[in-house]
Amino acid sequence: MKNKIIRRGDIILALAAVAAALILLIFQRTSSGGRVAVVTVNSEVIARINLDELSEKTVIKTDTEPSAIIVAENGEIYFESSGCKDKICVKTGRLTHKGDTAVCLPARAVVSISGSDVDAITY
């Protein structure tokens, strides 16, 4: 009597796991729409930028001391420069996903990405 290492049930289980992973990946890719970047300075919303429909580079300079320059392009938004010492906001990097947030405390500026749908990242 032969003892099989891989049985038919093992193959079916592996195929089901791969199919579930593909379905989740497709769902995550299709639900990534509706990303809106909200730029707030001194607790006032100064800009709302739809990152999915962004066609040109948008630059926002804060009116604070120290000032900060925020850039939105290619479906992402980030602090390009800041007049503060430590530049933590610049080191935060490029924000691309719903729920991402960067803050420059000396400039009193907040950049966050929100959206209407819940996806795998924010859920």
PDB file of N, CA and C in Angstrom:
ATOM      1  N   MET A   1       0.836  -1.172   0.000  1.00  0.00           N
ATOM      2  CA  MET A   1       0.000   0.000   0.000  1.00  0.00           C
ATOM      3  C   MET A   1       0.881   1.236   0.000  1.00  0.00           C
ATOM      4  N   LYS A   2       0.632   2.135  -0.976  1.00  0.00           N
ATOM      5  CA  LYS A   2       1.440   3.329  -1.113  1.00  0.00           C
ATOM      6  C   LYS A   2       0.886   4.444  -0.227  1.00  0.00           C
ATOM      7  N   ASN A   3       1.776   5.223   0.369  1.00  0.00           N
ATOM      8  CA  ASN A   3       1.397   6.354   1.212  1.00  0.00           C
ATOM      9  C   ASN A   3       1.678   7.651   0.439  1.00  0.00           C
ATOM     10  N   LYS A   4       0.630   8.308  -0.029  1.00  0.00           N
ATOM     11  CA  LYS A   4       0.797   9.526  -0.819  1.00  0.00           C
ATOM     12  C   LYS A   4       1.079  10.723   0.087  1.00  0.00           C
ATOM     13  N   ILE A   5       2.014  11.554  -0.333  1.00  0.00           N
ATOM     14  CA  ILE A   5       2.351  12.751   0.429  1.00  0.00           C
ATOM     15  C   ILE A   5       1.337  13.864   0.145  1.00  0.00           C
ATOM     16  N   ILE A   6       1.011  14.070  -1.105  1.00  0.00           N
ATOM     17  CA  ILE A   6       0.039  15.093  -1.492  1.00  0.00           C
ATOM     18  C   ILE A   6      -1.216  14.401  -1.994  1.00  0.00           C
ATOM     19  N   ARG A   7      -2.325  14.720  -1.343  1.00  0.00           N
ATOM     20  CA  ARG A   7      -3.598  14.114  -1.710  1.00  0.00           C
ATOM     21  C   ARG A   7      -4.439  15.110  -2.494  1.00  0.00           C
ATOM     22  N   ARG A   8      -5.511  14.613  -3.066  1.00  0.00           N
ATOM     23  CA  ARG A   8      -6.400  15.457  -3.855  1.00  0.00           C
ATOM     24  C   ARG A   8      -6.999  16.583  -3.004  1.00  0.00           C
ATOM     25  N   GLY A   9      -7.327  16.320  -1.761  1.00  0.00           N
ATOM     26  CA  GLY A   9      -7.872  17.338  -0.856  1.00  0.00           C
ATOM     27  C   GLY A   9      -6.877  18.458  -0.588  1.00  0.00           C
ATOM     28  N   ASP A  10      -5.581  18.128  -0.512  1.00  0.00           N
ATOM     29  CA  ASP A  10      -4.546  19.141  -0.310  1.00  0.00           C
ATOM     30  C   ASP A  10      -4.471  20.096  -1.500  1.00  0.00           C
ATOM     31  N   ILE A  11      -4.571  19.559  -2.688  1.00  0.00           N
ATOM     32  CA  ILE A  11      -4.523  20.384  -3.898  1.00  0.00           C
ATOM     33  C   ILE A  11      -5.751  21.296  -3.969  1.00  0.00           C
ATOM     34  N   ILE A  12      -6.914  20.760  -3.643  1.00  0.00           N
ATOM     35  CA  ILE A  12      -8.139  21.570  -3.657  1.00  0.00           C
ATOM     36  C   ILE A  12      -8.047  22.687  -2.628  1.00  0.00           C
ATOM     37  N   LEU A  13      -7.532  22.397  -1.456  1.00  0.00           N
ATOM     38  CA  LEU A  13      -7.371  23.407  -0.407  1.00  0.00           C
ATOM     39  C   LEU A  13      -6.392  24.507  -0.837  1.00  0.00           C
ATOM     40  N   ALA A  14      -5.292  24.129  -1.462  1.00  0.00           N
ATOM     41  CA  ALA A  14      -4.310  25.106  -1.939  1.00  0.00           C
ATOM     42  C   ALA A  14      -4.913  25.988  -3.038  1.00  0.00           C
ATOM     43  N   LEU A  15      -5.655  25.411  -3.954  1.00  0.00           N
ATOM     44  CA  LEU A  15      -6.298  26.194  -5.020  1.00  0.00           C
ATOM     45  C   LEU A  15      -7.341  27.147  -4.453  1.00  0.00           C
ATOM     46  N   ALA A  16      -8.075  26.719  -3.441  1.00  0.00           N
ATOM     47  CA  ALA A  16      -9.069  27.589  -2.808  1.00  0.00           C
ATOM     48  C   ALA A  16      -8.385  28.767  -2.112  1.00  0.00           C
ATOM     49  N   ALA A  17      -7.261  28.531  -1.460  1.00  0.00           N
ATOM     50  CA  ALA A  17      -6.525  29.614  -0.798  1.00  0.00           C
ATOM     51  C   ALA A  17      -5.996  30.622  -1.818  1.00  0.00           C
ATOM     52  N   VAL A  18      -5.469  30.141  -2.941  1.00  0.00           N
ATOM     53  CA  VAL A  18      -4.976  31.034  -3.995  1.00  0.00           C
ATOM     54  C   VAL A  18      -6.131  31.833  -4.592  1.00  0.00           C
ATOM     55  N   ALA A  19      -7.263  31.202  -4.813  1.00  0.00           N
ATOM     56  CA  ALA A  19      -8.427  31.912  -5.364  1.00  0.00           C
ATOM     57  C   ALA A  19      -8.914  32.993  -4.399  1.00  0.00           C
ATOM     58  N   ALA A  20      -8.945  32.703  -3.106  1.00  0.00           N
ATOM     59  CA  ALA A  20      -9.365  33.696  -2.111  1.00  0.00           C
ATOM     60  C   ALA A  20      -8.393  34.869  -2.079  1.00  0.00           C
ATOM     61  N   ALA A  21      -7.112  34.591  -2.172  1.00  0.00           N
ATOM     62  CA  ALA A  21      -6.115  35.667  -2.182  1.00  0.00           C
ATOM     63  C   ALA A  21      -6.281  36.551  -3.414  1.00  0.00           C
ATOM     64  N   LEU A  22      -6.536  35.963  -4.559  1.00  0.00           N
ATOM     65  CA  LEU A  22      -6.748  36.741  -5.787  1.00  0.00           C
ATOM     66  C   LEU A  22      -8.003  37.600  -5.699  1.00  0.00           C
ATOM     67  N   ILE A  23      -9.065  37.063  -5.141  1.00  0.00           N
ATOM     68  CA  ILE A  23     -10.304  37.830  -4.985  1.00  0.00           C
ATOM     69  C   ILE A  23     -10.077  39.021  -4.060  1.00  0.00           C
ATOM     70  N   LEU A  24      -9.372  38.824  -2.951  1.00  0.00           N
ATOM     71  CA  LEU A  24      -9.079  39.931  -2.038  1.00  0.00           C
ATOM     72  C   LEU A  24      -8.194  40.985  -2.699  1.00  0.00           C
ATOM     73  N   LEU A  25      -7.224  40.555  -3.498  1.00  0.00           N
ATOM     74  CA  LEU A  25      -6.351  41.495  -4.195  1.00  0.00           C
ATOM     75  C   LEU A  25      -7.138  42.326  -5.202  1.00  0.00           C
ATOM     76  N   ILE A  26      -8.020  41.697  -5.946  1.00  0.00           N
ATOM     77  CA  ILE A  26      -8.843  42.416  -6.917  1.00  0.00           C
ATOM     78  C   ILE A  26      -9.775  43.386  -6.204  1.00  0.00           C
ATOM     79  N   PHE A  27     -10.370  42.982  -5.085  1.00  0.00           N
ATOM     80  CA  PHE A  27     -11.251  43.857  -4.322  1.00  0.00           C
ATOM     81  C   PHE A  27     -10.493  45.073  -3.806  1.00  0.00           C
ATOM     82  N   GLN A  28      -9.278  44.875  -3.321  1.00  0.00           N
ATOM     83  CA  GLN A  28      -8.474  45.990  -2.805  1.00  0.00           C
ATOM     84  C   GLN A  28      -8.121  46.960  -3.926  1.00  0.00           C
ATOM     85  N   ARG A  29      -7.783  46.467  -5.081  1.00  0.00           N
ATOM     86  CA  ARG A  29      -7.416  47.336  -6.212  1.00  0.00           C
ATOM     87  C   ARG A  29      -8.616  48.143  -6.708  1.00  0.00           C
ATOM     88  N   THR A  30      -9.791  47.540  -6.766  1.00  0.00           N
ATOM     89  CA  THR A  30     -10.957  48.240  -7.296  1.00  0.00           C
ATOM     90  C   THR A  30     -11.578  49.188  -6.290  1.00  0.00           C
ATOM     91  N   SER A  31     -11.331  49.001  -4.990  1.00  0.00           N
ATOM     92  CA  SER A  31     -11.943  49.868  -3.996  1.00  0.00           C
ATOM     93  C   SER A  31     -11.037  51.013  -3.571  1.00  0.00           C
ATOM     94  N   SER A  32      -9.942  51.243  -4.310  1.00  0.00           N
ATOM     95  CA  SER A  32      -9.006  52.283  -3.907  1.00  0.00           C
ATOM     96  C   SER A  32      -9.421  53.659  -4.406  1.00  0.00           C
ATOM     97  N   GLY A  33     -10.534  53.794  -5.101  1.00  0.00           N
ATOM     98  CA  GLY A  33     -10.984  55.074  -5.618  1.00  0.00           C
ATOM     99  C   GLY A  33     -11.561  55.966  -4.541  1.00  0.00           C
ATOM    100  N   GLY A  34     -11.702  57.244  -4.873  1.00  0.00           N
ATOM    101  CA  GLY A  34     -12.318  58.174  -3.950  1.00  0.00           C
ATOM    102  C   GLY A  34     -11.380  58.754  -2.916  1.00  0.00           C
ATOM    103  N   ARG A  35     -10.085  58.795  -3.200  1.00  0.00           N
ATOM    104  CA  ARG A  35      -9.135  59.355  -2.245  1.00  0.00           C
ATOM    105  C   ARG A  35      -9.110  60.872  -2.347  1.00  0.00           C
ATOM    106  N   VAL A  36      -9.396  61.535  -1.242  1.00  0.00           N
ATOM    107  CA  VAL A  36      -9.399  62.993  -1.201  1.00  0.00           C
ATOM    108  C   VAL A  36      -8.410  63.443  -0.132  1.00  0.00           C
ATOM    109  N   ALA A  37      -7.447  64.272  -0.541  1.00  0.00           N
ATOM    110  CA  ALA A  37      -6.486  64.825   0.410  1.00  0.00           C
ATOM    111  C   ALA A  37      -7.069  66.106   0.989  1.00  0.00           C
ATOM    112  N   VAL A  38      -7.044  66.219   2.302  1.00  0.00           N
ATOM    113  CA  VAL A  38      -7.553  67.396   2.999  1.00  0.00           C
ATOM    114  C   VAL A  38      -6.373  68.083   3.670  1.00  0.00           C
ATOM    115  N   VAL A  39      -6.157  69.360   3.317  1.00  0.00           N
ATOM    116  CA  VAL A  39      -5.073  70.154   3.891  1.00  0.00           C
ATOM    117  C   VAL A  39      -5.688  71.151   4.866  1.00  0.00           C
ATOM    118  N   THR A  40      -5.249  71.083   6.120  1.00  0.00           N
ATOM    119  CA  THR A  40      -5.781  71.938   7.172  1.00  0.00           C
ATOM    120  C   THR A  40      -4.644  72.753   7.769  1.00  0.00           C
ATOM    121  N   VAL A  41      -4.858  74.076   7.891  1.00  0.00           N
ATOM    122  CA  VAL A  41      -3.887  74.961   8.535  1.00  0.00           C
ATOM    123  C   VAL A  41      -4.641  75.785   9.571  1.00  0.00           C
ATOM    124  N   ASN A  42      -4.128  75.801  10.806  1.00  0.00           N
ATOM    125  CA  ASN A  42      -4.792  76.501  11.911  1.00  0.00           C
ATOM    126  C   ASN A  42      -6.239  76.052  12.084  1.00  0.00           C
ATOM    127  N   SER A  43      -6.477  74.773  11.964  1.00  0.00           N
ATOM    128  CA  SER A  43      -7.797  74.147  12.113  1.00  0.00           C
ATOM    129  C   SER A  43      -8.802  74.583  11.053  1.00  0.00           C
ATOM    130  N   GLU A  44      -8.345  75.167   9.959  1.00  0.00           N
ATOM    131  CA  GLU A  44      -9.211  75.542   8.838  1.00  0.00           C
ATOM    132  C   GLU A  44      -8.819  74.737   7.612  1.00  0.00           C
ATOM    133  N   VAL A  45      -9.802  74.172   6.940  1.00  0.00           N
ATOM    134  CA  VAL A  45      -9.529  73.435   5.709  1.00  0.00           C
ATOM    135  C   VAL A  45      -9.219  74.455   4.616  1.00  0.00           C
ATOM    136  N   ILE A  46      -8.004  74.382   4.068  1.00  0.00           N
ATOM    137  CA  ILE A  46      -7.634  75.327   3.006  1.00  0.00           C
ATOM    138  C   ILE A  46      -7.658  74.689   1.623  1.00  0.00           C
ATOM    139  N   ALA A  47      -7.667  73.335   1.574  1.00  0.00           N
ATOM    140  CA  ALA A  47      -7.716  72.677   0.266  1.00  0.00           C
ATOM    141  C   ALA A  47      -8.246  71.263   0.403  1.00  0.00           C
ATOM    142  N   ARG A  48      -9.009  70.860  -0.611  1.00  0.00           N
ATOM    143  CA  ARG A  48      -9.450  69.474  -0.781  1.00  0.00           C
ATOM    144  C   ARG A  48      -9.040  69.081  -2.191  1.00  0.00           C
ATOM    145  N   ILE A  49      -8.241  68.044  -2.295  1.00  0.00           N
ATOM    146  CA  ILE A  49      -7.701  67.636  -3.593  1.00  0.00           C
ATOM    147  C   ILE A  49      -8.066  66.181  -3.838  1.00  0.00           C
ATOM    148  N   ASN A  50      -8.781  65.926  -4.940  1.00  0.00           N
ATOM    149  CA  ASN A  50      -9.111  64.555  -5.321  1.00  0.00           C
ATOM    150  C   ASN A  50      -7.876  63.944  -5.977  1.00  0.00           C
ATOM    151  N   LEU A  51      -7.220  63.040  -5.277  1.00  0.00           N
ATOM    152  CA  LEU A  51      -5.970  62.464  -5.766  1.00  0.00           C
ATOM    153  C   LEU A  51      -6.171  61.541  -6.957  1.00  0.00           C
ATOM    154  N   ASP A  52      -7.348  60.962  -7.092  1.00  0.00           N
ATOM    155  CA  ASP A  52      -7.602  60.052  -8.212  1.00  0.00           C
ATOM    156  C   ASP A  52      -7.838  60.801  -9.522  1.00  0.00           C
ATOM    157  N   GLU A  53      -8.243  62.053  -9.452  1.00  0.00           N
ATOM    158  CA  GLU A  53      -8.511  62.837 -10.656  1.00  0.00           C
ATOM    159  C   GLU A  53      -7.488  63.952 -10.852  1.00  0.00           C
ATOM    160  N   LEU A  54      -6.393  63.897 -10.124  1.00  0.00           N
ATOM    161  CA  LEU A  54      -5.364  64.928 -10.191  1.00  0.00           C
ATOM    162  C   LEU A  54      -4.603  64.805 -11.503  1.00  0.00           C
ATOM    163  N   SER A  55      -4.603  65.878 -12.305  1.00  0.00           N
ATOM    164  CA  SER A  55      -3.942  65.823 -13.603  1.00  0.00           C
ATOM    165  C   SER A  55      -2.676  66.658 -13.667  1.00  0.00           C
ATOM    166  N   GLU A  56      -2.512  67.599 -12.758  1.00  0.00           N
ATOM    167  CA  GLU A  56      -1.314  68.435 -12.766  1.00  0.00           C
ATOM    168  C   GLU A  56      -0.801  68.625 -11.353  1.00  0.00           C
ATOM    169  N   LYS A  57       0.441  69.053 -11.255  1.00  0.00           N
ATOM    170  CA  LYS A  57       1.069  69.272  -9.960  1.00  0.00           C
ATOM    171  C   LYS A  57       0.417  70.456  -9.251  1.00  0.00           C
ATOM    172  N   THR A  58       0.054  70.262  -7.984  1.00  0.00           N
ATOM    173  CA  THR A  58      -0.557  71.316  -7.182  1.00  0.00           C
ATOM    174  C   THR A  58       0.372  71.616  -6.008  1.00  0.00           C
ATOM    175  N   VAL A  59       0.691  72.904  -5.830  1.00  0.00           N
ATOM    176  CA  VAL A  59       1.585  73.324  -4.758  1.00  0.00           C
ATOM    177  C   VAL A  59       0.819  74.254  -3.822  1.00  0.00           C
ATOM    178  N   ILE A  60       0.912  73.969  -2.520  1.00  0.00           N
ATOM    179  CA  ILE A  60       0.246  74.790  -1.503  1.00  0.00           C
ATOM    180  C   ILE A  60       1.307  75.278  -0.530  1.00  0.00           C
ATOM    181  N   LYS A  61       1.352  76.588  -0.296  1.00  0.00           N
ATOM    182  CA  LYS A  61       2.279  77.166   0.679  1.00  0.00           C
ATOM    183  C   LYS A  61       1.457  77.730   1.828  1.00  0.00           C
ATOM    184  N   THR A  62       1.823  77.354   3.048  1.00  0.00           N
ATOM    185  CA  THR A  62       1.084  77.833   4.210  1.00  0.00           C
ATOM    186  C   THR A  62       1.472  79.267   4.535  1.00  0.00           C
ATOM    187  N   ASP A  63       0.558  80.010   5.158  1.00  0.00           N
ATOM    188  CA  ASP A  63       0.800  81.400   5.539  1.00  0.00           C
ATOM    189  C   ASP A  63       1.316  81.510   6.969  1.00  0.00           C
ATOM    190  N   THR A  64       1.906  80.462   7.479  1.00  0.00           N
ATOM    191  CA  THR A  64       2.340  80.438   8.876  1.00  0.00           C
ATOM    192  C   THR A  64       3.836  80.713   8.977  1.00  0.00           C
ATOM    193  N   GLU A  65       4.292  80.917  10.194  1.00  0.00           N
ATOM    194  CA  GLU A  65       5.721  81.076  10.437  1.00  0.00           C
ATOM    195  C   GLU A  65       6.149  79.990  11.407  1.00  0.00           C
ATOM    196  N   PRO A  66       6.941  79.027  11.085  1.00  0.00           N
ATOM    197  CA  PRO A  66       7.560  78.814   9.784  1.00  0.00           C
ATOM    198  C   PRO A  66       6.556  78.289   8.761  1.00  0.00           C
ATOM    199  N   SER A  67       6.855  78.493   7.517  1.00  0.00           N
ATOM    200  CA  SER A  67       5.940  78.053   6.463  1.00  0.00           C
ATOM    201  C   SER A  67       6.284  76.631   6.021  1.00  0.00           C
ATOM    202  N   ALA A  68       5.355  76.030   5.330  1.00  0.00           N
ATOM    203  CA  ALA A  68       5.549  74.682   4.789  1.00  0.00           C
ATOM    204  C   ALA A  68       5.021  74.659   3.366  1.00  0.00           C
ATOM    205  N   ILE A  69       5.644  73.870   2.525  1.00  0.00           N
ATOM    206  CA  ILE A  69       5.197  73.703   1.143  1.00  0.00           C
ATOM    207  C   ILE A  69       4.709  72.275   0.967  1.00  0.00           C
ATOM    208  N   ILE A  70       3.462  72.152   0.511  1.00  0.00           N
ATOM    209  CA  ILE A  70       2.809  70.857   0.326  1.00  0.00           C
ATOM    210  C   ILE A  70       2.580  70.657  -1.165  1.00  0.00           C
ATOM    211  N   VAL A  71       2.920  69.488  -1.672  1.00  0.00           N
ATOM    212  CA  VAL A  71       2.804  69.201  -3.102  1.00  0.00           C
ATOM    213  C   VAL A  71       1.915  67.976  -3.302  1.00  0.00           C
ATOM    214  N   ALA A  72       1.006  68.085  -4.272  1.00  0.00           N
ATOM    215  CA  ALA A  72       0.167  66.952  -4.679  1.00  0.00           C
ATOM    216  C   ALA A  72       0.424  66.676  -6.155  1.00  0.00           C
ATOM    217  N   GLU A  73       0.787  65.442  -6.462  1.00  0.00           N
ATOM    218  CA  GLU A  73       1.034  65.045  -7.853  1.00  0.00           C
ATOM    219  C   GLU A  73       1.021  63.528  -7.963  1.00  0.00           C
ATOM    220  N   ASN A  74       0.684  63.044  -9.120  1.00  0.00           N
ATOM    221  CA  ASN A  74       0.711  61.608  -9.420  1.00  0.00           C
ATOM    222  C   ASN A  74      -0.036  60.760  -8.393  1.00  0.00           C
ATOM    223  N   GLY A  75      -1.160  61.244  -7.899  1.00  0.00           N
ATOM    224  CA  GLY A  75      -1.969  60.478  -6.956  1.00  0.00           C
ATOM    225  C   GLY A  75      -1.421  60.415  -5.549  1.00  0.00           C
ATOM    226  N   GLU A  76      -0.514  61.311  -5.201  1.00  0.00           N
ATOM    227  CA  GLU A  76       0.042  61.338  -3.852  1.00  0.00           C
ATOM    228  C   GLU A  76       0.238  62.774  -3.399  1.00  0.00           C
ATOM    229  N   ILE A  77       0.368  62.958  -2.095  1.00  0.00           N
ATOM    230  CA  ILE A  77       0.558  64.288  -1.519  1.00  0.00           C
ATOM    231  C   ILE A  77       1.619  64.187  -0.440  1.00  0.00           C
ATOM    232  N   TYR A  78       2.416  65.244  -0.300  1.00  0.00           N
ATOM    233  CA  TYR A  78       3.513  65.196   0.660  1.00  0.00           C
ATOM    234  C   TYR A  78       3.986  66.607   1.009  1.00  0.00           C
ATOM    235  N   PHE A  79       4.680  66.708   2.143  1.00  0.00           N
ATOM    236  CA  PHE A  79       5.347  67.945   2.521  1.00  0.00           C
ATOM    237  C   PHE A  79       6.679  67.990   1.764  1.00  0.00           C
ATOM    238  N   GLU A  80       6.831  68.974   0.896  1.00  0.00           N
ATOM    239  CA  GLU A  80       8.073  69.087   0.141  1.00  0.00           C
ATOM    240  C   GLU A  80       9.171  69.744   0.990  1.00  0.00           C
ATOM    241  N   SER A  81       8.794  70.782   1.728  1.00  0.00           N
ATOM    242  CA  SER A  81       9.762  71.445   2.599  1.00  0.00           C
ATOM    243  C   SER A  81       9.039  72.122   3.749  1.00  0.00           C
ATOM    244  N   SER A  82       9.811  72.441   4.778  1.00  0.00           N
ATOM    245  CA  SER A  82       9.263  73.104   5.948  1.00  0.00           C
ATOM    246  C   SER A  82      10.360  73.947   6.574  1.00  0.00           C
ATOM    247  N   GLY A  83       9.971  75.052   7.192  1.00  0.00           N
ATOM    248  CA  GLY A  83      10.934  75.935   7.821  1.00  0.00           C
ATOM    249  C   GLY A  83      11.297  75.532   9.234  1.00  0.00           C
ATOM    250  N   CYS A  84      10.789  74.434   9.725  1.00  0.00           N
ATOM    251  CA  CYS A  84      11.091  74.006  11.099  1.00  0.00           C
ATOM    252  C   CYS A  84      12.447  73.296  11.157  1.00  0.00           C
ATOM    253  N   LYS A  85      12.928  73.068  12.372  1.00  0.00           N
ATOM    254  CA  LYS A  85      14.257  72.475  12.564  1.00  0.00           C
ATOM    255  C   LYS A  85      14.318  70.989  12.221  1.00  0.00           C
ATOM    256  N   ASP A  86      13.397  70.213  12.759  1.00  0.00           N
ATOM    257  CA  ASP A  86      13.535  68.761  12.653  1.00  0.00           C
ATOM    258  C   ASP A  86      12.973  68.148  11.375  1.00  0.00           C
ATOM    259  N   LYS A  87      12.058  68.811  10.704  1.00  0.00           N
ATOM    260  CA  LYS A  87      11.491  68.378   9.410  1.00  0.00           C
ATOM    261  C   LYS A  87      10.886  66.966   9.454  1.00  0.00           C
ATOM    262  N   ILE A  88      10.212  66.659  10.536  1.00  0.00           N
ATOM    263  CA  ILE A  88       9.559  65.353  10.660  1.00  0.00           C
ATOM    264  C   ILE A  88       8.472  65.198   9.596  1.00  0.00           C
ATOM    265  N   CYS A  89       7.769  66.284   9.298  1.00  0.00           N
ATOM    266  CA  CYS A  89       6.703  66.215   8.291  1.00  0.00           C
ATOM    267  C   CYS A  89       7.261  65.852   6.917  1.00  0.00           C
ATOM    268  N   VAL A  90       8.429  66.360   6.567  1.00  0.00           N
ATOM    269  CA  VAL A  90       9.049  66.044   5.276  1.00  0.00           C
ATOM    270  C   VAL A  90       9.499  64.582   5.267  1.00  0.00           C
ATOM    271  N   LYS A  91      10.015  64.117   6.395  1.00  0.00           N
ATOM    272  CA  LYS A  91      10.489  62.732   6.501  1.00  0.00           C
ATOM    273  C   LYS A  91       9.349  61.722   6.506  1.00  0.00           C
ATOM    274  N   THR A  92       8.116  62.181   6.722  1.00  0.00           N
ATOM    275  CA  THR A  92       6.960  61.279   6.709  1.00  0.00           C
ATOM    276  C   THR A  92       6.816  60.614   5.346  1.00  0.00           C
ATOM    277  N   GLY A  93       7.164  61.340   4.292  1.00  0.00           N
ATOM    278  CA  GLY A  93       7.121  60.768   2.952  1.00  0.00           C
ATOM    279  C   GLY A  93       5.818  61.062   2.230  1.00  0.00           C
ATOM    280  N   ARG A  94       5.586  60.318   1.191  1.00  0.00           N
ATOM    281  CA  ARG A  94       4.439  60.539   0.314  1.00  0.00           C
ATOM    282  C   ARG A  94       3.235  59.760   0.821  1.00  0.00           C
ATOM    283  N   LEU A  95       2.116  60.454   0.924  1.00  0.00           N
ATOM    284  CA  LEU A  95       0.872  59.846   1.383  1.00  0.00           C
ATOM    285  C   LEU A  95       0.080  59.382   0.167  1.00  0.00           C
ATOM    286  N   THR A  96      -0.360  58.128   0.189  1.00  0.00           N
ATOM    287  CA  THR A  96      -1.080  57.583  -0.960  1.00  0.00           C
ATOM    288  C   THR A  96      -2.359  56.844  -0.590  1.00  0.00           C
ATOM    289  N   HIS A  97      -2.455  56.362   0.638  1.00  0.00           N
ATOM    290  CA  HIS A  97      -3.586  55.528   1.032  1.00  0.00           C
ATOM    291  C   HIS A  97      -4.553  56.280   1.942  1.00  0.00           C
ATOM    292  N   LYS A  98      -5.814  55.867   1.904  1.00  0.00           N
ATOM    293  CA  LYS A  98      -6.809  56.434   2.816  1.00  0.00           C
ATOM    294  C   LYS A  98      -6.351  56.189   4.247  1.00  0.00           C
ATOM    295  N   GLY A  99      -6.474  57.225   5.069  1.00  0.00           N
ATOM    296  CA  GLY A  99      -6.054  57.120   6.454  1.00  0.00           C
ATOM    297  C   GLY A  99      -4.653  57.629   6.708  1.00  0.00           C
ATOM    298  N   ASP A 100      -3.849  57.828   5.666  1.00  0.00           N
ATOM    299  CA  ASP A 100      -2.506  58.374   5.838  1.00  0.00           C
ATOM    300  C   ASP A 100      -2.593  59.819   6.309  1.00  0.00           C
ATOM    301  N   THR A 101      -1.698  60.211   7.219  1.00  0.00           N
ATOM    302  CA  THR A 101      -1.694  61.566   7.765  1.00  0.00           C
ATOM    303  C   THR A 101      -0.263  62.020   7.999  1.00  0.00           C
ATOM    304  N   ALA A 102      -0.001  63.290   7.713  1.00  0.00           N
ATOM    305  CA  ALA A 102       1.282  63.919   8.035  1.00  0.00           C
ATOM    306  C   ALA A 102       0.978  65.257   8.688  1.00  0.00           C
ATOM    307  N   VAL A 103       1.770  65.614   9.705  1.00  0.00           N
ATOM    308  CA  VAL A 103       1.520  66.828  10.473  1.00  0.00           C
ATOM    309  C   VAL A 103       2.813  67.618  10.615  1.00  0.00           C
ATOM    310  N   CYS A 104       2.726  68.926  10.431  1.00  0.00           N
ATOM    311  CA  CYS A 104       3.834  69.828  10.725  1.00  0.00           C
ATOM    312  C   CYS A 104       3.359  70.730  11.868  1.00  0.00           C
ATOM    313  N   LEU A 105       3.773  70.409  13.083  1.00  0.00           N
ATOM    314  CA  LEU A 105       3.301  71.160  14.248  1.00  0.00           C
ATOM    315  C   LEU A 105       3.746  72.625  14.246  1.00  0.00           C
ATOM    316  N   PRO A 106       5.016  72.936  13.930  1.00  0.00           N
ATOM    317  CA  PRO A 106       5.394  74.353  13.934  1.00  0.00           C
ATOM    318  C   PRO A 106       4.592  75.190  12.927  1.00  0.00           C
ATOM    319  N   ALA A 107       4.265  74.612  11.778  1.00  0.00           N
ATOM    320  CA  ALA A 107       3.482  75.334  10.762  1.00  0.00           C
ATOM    321  C   ALA A 107       1.985  75.173  10.986  1.00  0.00           C
ATOM    322  N   ARG A 108       1.595  74.363  11.967  1.00  0.00           N
ATOM    323  CA  ARG A 108       0.189  74.097  12.286  1.00  0.00           C
ATOM    324  C   ARG A 108      -0.577  73.579  11.060  1.00  0.00           C
ATOM    325  N   ALA A 109       0.067  72.679  10.313  1.00  0.00           N
ATOM    326  CA  ALA A 109      -0.519  72.135   9.087  1.00  0.00           C
ATOM    327  C   ALA A 109      -0.709  70.628   9.215  1.00  0.00           C
ATOM    328  N   VAL A 110      -1.857  70.160   8.725  1.00  0.00           N
ATOM    329  CA  VAL A 110      -2.187  68.732   8.729  1.00  0.00           C
ATOM    330  C   VAL A 110      -2.617  68.338   7.329  1.00  0.00           C
ATOM    331  N   VAL A 111      -2.056  67.247   6.843  1.00  0.00           N
ATOM    332  CA  VAL A 111      -2.458  66.685   5.555  1.00  0.00           C
ATOM    333  C   VAL A 111      -2.941  65.272   5.825  1.00  0.00           C
ATOM    334  N   SER A 112      -4.156  64.968   5.402  1.00  0.00           N
ATOM    335  CA  SER A 112      -4.682  63.619   5.590  1.00  0.00           C
ATOM    336  C   SER A 112      -5.459  63.197   4.353  1.00  0.00           C
ATOM    337  N   ILE A 113      -5.511  61.901   4.140  1.00  0.00           N
ATOM    338  CA  ILE A 113      -6.254  61.352   3.006  1.00  0.00           C
ATOM    339  C   ILE A 113      -7.482  60.648   3.549  1.00  0.00           C
ATOM    340  N   SER A 114      -8.622  61.041   3.030  1.00  0.00           N
ATOM    341  CA  SER A 114      -9.875  60.419   3.430  1.00  0.00           C
ATOM    342  C   SER A 114     -10.568  59.891   2.187  1.00  0.00           C
ATOM    343  N   GLY A 115     -11.640  59.171   2.396  1.00  0.00           N
ATOM    344  CA  GLY A 115     -12.402  58.635   1.284  1.00  0.00           C
ATOM    345  C   GLY A 115     -13.737  58.138   1.767  1.00  0.00           C
ATOM    346  N   SER A 116     -14.621  57.901   0.829  1.00  0.00           N
ATOM    347  CA  SER A 116     -15.968  57.485   1.196  1.00  0.00           C
ATOM    348  C   SER A 116     -16.076  55.982   1.414  1.00  0.00           C
ATOM    349  N   ASP A 117     -15.214  55.205   0.771  1.00  0.00           N
ATOM    350  CA  ASP A 117     -15.288  53.753   0.879  1.00  0.00           C
ATOM    351  C   ASP A 117     -14.321  53.247   1.935  1.00  0.00           C
ATOM    352  N   VAL A 118     -14.654  52.129   2.535  1.00  0.00           N
ATOM    353  CA  VAL A 118     -13.737  51.454   3.439  1.00  0.00           C
ATOM    354  C   VAL A 118     -13.019  50.392   2.616  1.00  0.00           C
ATOM    355  N   ASP A 119     -11.691  50.398   2.672  1.00  0.00           N
ATOM    356  CA  ASP A 119     -10.946  49.390   1.936  1.00  0.00           C
ATOM    357  C   ASP A 119     -10.155  48.526   2.902  1.00  0.00           C
ATOM    358  N   ALA A 120      -9.359  47.651   2.380  1.00  0.00           N
ATOM    359  CA  ALA A 120      -8.618  46.710   3.218  1.00  0.00           C
ATOM    360  C   ALA A 120      -7.575  47.404   4.072  1.00  0.00           C
ATOM    361  N   ILE A 121      -7.101  48.569   3.671  1.00  0.00           N
ATOM    362  CA  ILE A 121      -6.065  49.255   4.420  1.00  0.00           C
ATOM    363  C   ILE A 121      -6.654  49.998   5.606  1.00  0.00           C
ATOM    364  N   THR A 122      -7.724  50.764   5.406  1.00  0.00           N
ATOM    365  CA  THR A 122      -8.299  51.524   6.493  1.00  0.00           C
ATOM    366  C   THR A 122      -9.211  50.697   7.375  1.00  0.00           C
ATOM    367  N   TYR A 123      -9.662  49.565   6.908  1.00  0.00           N
ATOM    368  CA  TYR A 123     -10.552  48.725   7.688  1.00  0.00           C
ATOM    369  C   TYR A 123      -9.765  48.050   8.759  1.00  0.00           C
TER     370      TYR A 123
END
